[in-house]
Amino acid sequence: MHTVPGIKVLYFGTPVVLITTRNEDGTPNIAPMSSAWWLNGNAMLGLGNASQTSANIAREGECVLNLPSSDMASYVDRIALTTGRLEVAPYRAEQGYRTERDKFGLAGLTEQESELVSPPRILECPIQMEGRLVKAHSFGEERMTAFEVEVLRTHVEEKLVIPGTHYIDPEEWDPLIMKFCEFFGGGQPVHTSRLAGGWQMPHTLRKLSVAESAAA
């Protein structure tokens, strides 16, 4: 049986992407997001216009799409509810967002120089894609932007590649998935998320206690 209306939030989740960009002063920024899809050599990124990353991509025309594995949830969660914006939008402040300019330091991640674009890659991420902005499409009453990004170069951890090919081994690659503001890997919850509290999500992770998550 189906219920009508269905769900309040049309957000089923995709692999988490850590987008690295350059701020206006040249410092690096990291933004975790999970509203992305790929087709051929291009990616579509859905971002709110209040984010520092949206401003950075629109201004600089470059970014790196870093894909963390499921065992990197704790790194991602450390920068949840943070923004590179010096002024936090009121609605984001109510959700618990705060300004943080040193996202690499807060997350405990390492900068790795890119080859074709200015923003750094994230060393710990097993898949990194250097990208260039192609088009920006406004939607959602102009509160959001879909950025069309051309992937210029992809860096993949060697153990993920099927030997002798340019294909990813699906049994080796276990991406970090965000489903309704919670972290999953291999179909199972792997870490609780600060974001779920900020967005006042009504669920709890029944298969993973908060104590287990904190120790992960």
Protein backbone atom coordinates (compact mmCIF):
# COMPACT_ATOMS: atom_id res chain seq x y z
CA MET A 1 0.00 0.00 0.00
CA HIS A 2 1.23 3.52 -0.83
CA THR A 3 0.46 6.69 1.11
CA VAL A 4 -0.49 10.05 -0.40
CA PRO A 5 1.11 12.48 0.06
CA GLY A 6 4.37 10.55 0.13
CA ILE A 7 7.36 12.30 1.69
CA LYS A 8 8.15 15.87 2.69
CA VAL A 9 11.75 15.93 1.43
CA LEU A 10 12.59 14.69 -2.09
CA TYR A 11 16.10 13.75 -1.08
CA PHE A 12 16.98 10.09 -1.42
CA GLY A 13 20.74 10.58 -1.31
CA THR A 14 23.69 9.78 -3.58
CA PRO A 15 27.40 9.13 -2.98
CA VAL A 16 28.86 11.88 -0.83
CA VAL A 17 31.06 14.35 -2.72
CA LEU A 18 33.60 16.57 -0.99
CA ILE A 19 33.84 19.57 -3.33
CA THR A 20 37.04 21.56 -3.04
CA THR A 21 37.16 25.13 -4.35
CA ARG A 22 39.12 28.33 -3.78
CA ASN A 23 37.75 31.16 -1.63
CA GLU A 24 38.05 34.77 -2.76
CA ASP A 25 41.28 35.11 -0.73
CA GLY A 26 42.81 32.00 -2.33
CA THR A 27 42.36 29.69 0.65
CA PRO A 28 40.83 26.24 -0.01
CA ASN A 29 37.29 25.32 0.93
CA ILE A 30 35.61 21.93 1.32
CA ALA A 31 31.87 21.36 1.05
CA PRO A 32 30.22 17.96 1.62
CA MET A 33 27.23 17.38 -0.62
CA SER A 34 25.16 14.48 -1.94
CA SER A 35 23.06 15.88 -4.75
CA ALA A 36 25.16 14.96 -7.77
CA TRP A 37 24.93 12.79 -10.84
CA TRP A 38 27.21 11.95 -13.73
CA LEU A 39 26.69 11.22 -17.42
CA ASN A 40 29.61 10.52 -19.76
CA GLY A 41 32.32 13.04 -18.81
CA ASN A 42 30.11 15.61 -17.10
CA ALA A 43 28.67 16.01 -13.61
CA MET A 44 25.63 17.93 -12.40
CA LEU A 45 25.93 19.42 -8.92
CA GLY A 46 22.90 20.74 -7.05
CA LEU A 47 23.82 23.43 -4.51
CA GLY A 48 22.01 26.10 -2.55
CA ASN A 49 22.96 29.66 -3.43
CA ALA A 50 23.72 30.49 0.21
CA SER A 51 26.80 28.25 0.19
CA GLN A 52 30.37 29.46 -0.17
CA THR A 53 30.99 26.69 -2.67
CA SER A 54 28.31 28.03 -5.02
CA ALA A 55 29.94 31.45 -4.94
CA ASN A 56 33.40 29.94 -5.46
CA ILE A 57 32.41 27.79 -8.45
CA ALA A 58 30.54 30.66 -10.10
CA ARG A 59 33.49 33.02 -9.60
CA GLU A 60 36.46 30.72 -10.30
CA GLY A 61 34.87 28.22 -12.72
CA GLU A 62 36.78 25.30 -11.20
CA CYS A 63 36.42 22.63 -8.56
CA VAL A 64 37.52 19.13 -7.57
CA LEU A 65 34.98 16.41 -6.84
CA ASN A 66 36.47 14.12 -4.20
CA LEU A 67 34.61 10.87 -3.42
CA PRO A 68 35.20 9.51 0.10
CA SER A 69 34.88 5.82 0.90
CA SER A 70 32.46 4.59 3.57
CA ASP A 71 35.20 4.44 6.23
CA MET A 72 35.69 8.22 5.93
CA ALA A 73 32.34 9.20 7.47
CA SER A 74 33.92 10.70 10.58
CA TYR A 75 36.02 13.08 8.47
CA VAL A 76 32.96 14.28 6.61
CA ASP A 77 30.90 14.66 9.76
CA ARG A 78 33.48 16.98 11.33
CA ILE A 79 32.71 19.67 8.77
CA ALA A 80 28.95 19.16 8.78
CA LEU A 81 27.04 22.31 9.73
CA THR A 82 29.97 24.54 8.76
CA THR A 83 30.25 27.08 5.96
CA GLY A 84 33.05 29.09 4.45
CA ARG A 85 30.74 32.11 4.34
CA LEU A 86 31.81 34.92 6.66
CA GLU A 87 28.14 35.75 7.17
CA VAL A 88 25.83 32.83 7.90
CA ALA A 89 22.31 33.06 6.50
CA PRO A 90 19.73 33.24 9.31
CA TYR A 91 18.00 30.00 8.36
CA ARG A 92 21.34 28.19 8.32
CA ALA A 93 22.30 29.66 11.70
CA GLU A 94 19.05 28.23 13.08
CA GLN A 95 20.12 24.82 11.82
CA GLY A 96 23.42 25.15 13.68
CA TYR A 97 25.75 26.24 10.86
CA ARG A 98 28.83 28.30 11.75
CA THR A 99 31.67 29.89 9.80
CA GLU A 100 34.81 27.77 9.38
CA ARG A 101 37.50 28.83 6.93
CA ASP A 102 39.99 26.01 7.68
CA LYS A 103 37.93 23.02 6.62
CA PHE A 104 41.01 20.87 5.93
CA GLY A 105 42.29 21.45 9.46
CA LEU A 106 38.91 20.82 11.08
CA ALA A 107 38.31 17.61 9.13
CA GLY A 108 41.86 16.33 9.53
CA LEU A 109 42.27 15.95 5.76
CA THR A 110 45.34 16.60 3.59
CA GLU A 111 45.68 18.96 0.62
CA GLN A 112 47.05 17.39 -2.57
CA GLU A 113 47.99 19.59 -5.52
CA SER A 114 45.78 19.26 -8.59
CA GLU A 115 47.20 19.01 -12.09
CA LEU A 116 44.77 21.00 -14.24
CA VAL A 117 42.81 23.23 -11.84
CA SER A 118 43.63 25.50 -8.91
CA PRO A 119 41.61 23.90 -6.05
CA PRO A 120 43.45 21.09 -4.25
CA ARG A 121 42.46 17.45 -4.24
CA ILE A 122 41.89 15.58 -0.97
CA LEU A 123 44.66 13.03 -0.50
CA GLU A 124 42.58 10.63 1.58
CA CYS A 125 39.78 10.33 -0.99
CA PRO A 126 40.30 7.31 -3.29
CA ILE A 127 38.57 9.01 -6.24
CA GLN A 128 39.24 12.64 -7.23
CA MET A 129 37.89 14.45 -10.29
CA GLU A 130 39.26 17.80 -11.44
CA GLY A 131 36.50 19.81 -13.07
CA ARG A 132 35.72 22.97 -15.00
CA LEU A 133 32.38 24.78 -14.97
CA VAL A 134 30.45 24.57 -18.24
CA LYS A 135 27.07 26.10 -17.35
CA ALA A 136 25.07 27.17 -14.32
CA HIS A 137 21.31 26.57 -14.27
CA SER A 138 19.14 28.40 -11.72
CA PHE A 139 16.15 26.53 -10.29
CA GLY A 140 13.91 26.34 -7.23
CA GLU A 141 12.72 29.96 -7.38
CA GLU A 142 16.36 30.92 -8.00
CA ARG A 143 17.39 29.71 -4.54
CA MET A 144 19.49 26.88 -5.95
CA THR A 145 21.88 26.27 -8.84
CA ALA A 146 22.66 23.18 -10.86
CA PHE A 147 26.30 23.45 -11.91
CA GLU A 148 27.27 21.52 -15.04
CA VAL A 149 30.91 20.54 -14.62
CA GLU A 150 33.17 18.91 -17.18
CA VAL A 151 35.52 16.35 -15.63
CA LEU A 152 38.99 17.11 -16.98
CA ARG A 153 41.01 14.46 -15.17
CA THR A 154 40.18 11.60 -12.79
CA HIS A 155 42.56 10.20 -10.18
CA VAL A 156 41.68 6.74 -8.81
CA GLU A 157 43.35 4.67 -6.11
CA GLU A 158 45.08 1.80 -7.90
CA LYS A 159 43.47 -0.96 -5.82
CA LEU A 160 40.03 0.12 -7.06
CA VAL A 161 40.88 -0.37 -10.74
CA ILE A 162 40.38 -3.73 -12.45
CA PRO A 163 43.91 -4.69 -13.60
CA GLY A 164 44.58 -3.97 -17.25
CA THR A 165 41.47 -1.82 -17.66
CA HIS A 166 40.17 1.68 -16.98
CA TYR A 167 37.17 0.37 -15.01
CA ILE A 168 36.37 0.48 -11.30
CA ASP A 169 35.97 -2.86 -9.52
CA PRO A 170 32.47 -2.57 -7.97
CA GLU A 171 33.37 -5.04 -5.21
CA GLU A 172 36.37 -2.97 -4.12
CA TRP A 173 34.67 0.44 -4.26
CA ASP A 174 32.44 1.13 -1.25
CA PRO A 175 31.33 4.77 -1.52
CA LEU A 176 30.03 6.76 1.41
CA ILE A 177 26.29 7.23 0.84
CA MET A 178 24.10 9.81 2.53
CA LYS A 179 20.46 8.79 2.82
CA PHE A 180 18.15 11.37 4.36
CA CYS A 181 21.07 13.01 6.22
CA GLU A 182 22.60 9.78 7.58
CA PHE A 183 25.80 7.99 6.50
CA PHE A 184 25.65 4.51 4.96
CA GLY A 185 28.15 2.11 3.40
CA GLY A 186 27.52 -1.33 1.98
CA GLY A 187 23.82 -0.81 2.63
CA GLN A 188 24.35 -0.43 6.40
CA PRO A 189 24.55 2.68 8.61
CA VAL A 190 28.18 3.51 9.39
CA HIS A 191 28.04 6.81 11.30
CA THR A 192 25.49 9.19 12.77
CA SER A 193 25.39 12.67 11.26
CA ARG A 194 25.27 16.12 12.86
CA LEU A 195 23.39 17.22 9.77
CA ALA A 196 20.37 15.09 10.69
CA GLY A 197 20.02 17.03 13.95
CA GLY A 198 20.41 20.38 12.24
CA TRP A 199 17.70 19.50 9.72
CA GLN A 200 15.49 18.04 12.50
CA MET A 201 15.10 14.69 10.79
CA PRO A 202 12.62 12.50 12.71
CA HIS A 203 14.50 9.21 12.46
CA THR A 204 17.18 7.45 14.52
CA LEU A 205 19.70 4.86 13.33
CA ARG A 206 18.42 1.66 14.89
CA LYS A 207 21.40 -0.44 13.78
CA LEU A 208 24.09 1.95 15.02
CA SER A 209 24.07 3.56 18.45
CA VAL A 210 25.48 7.04 19.06
CA ALA A 211 28.21 5.52 21.24
CA GLU A 212 29.24 3.13 18.47
CA SER A 213 29.26 5.98 15.96
CA ALA A 214 31.41 8.20 18.20
CA ALA A 215 33.93 5.38 18.58
CA ALA A 216 34.10 4.71 14.83
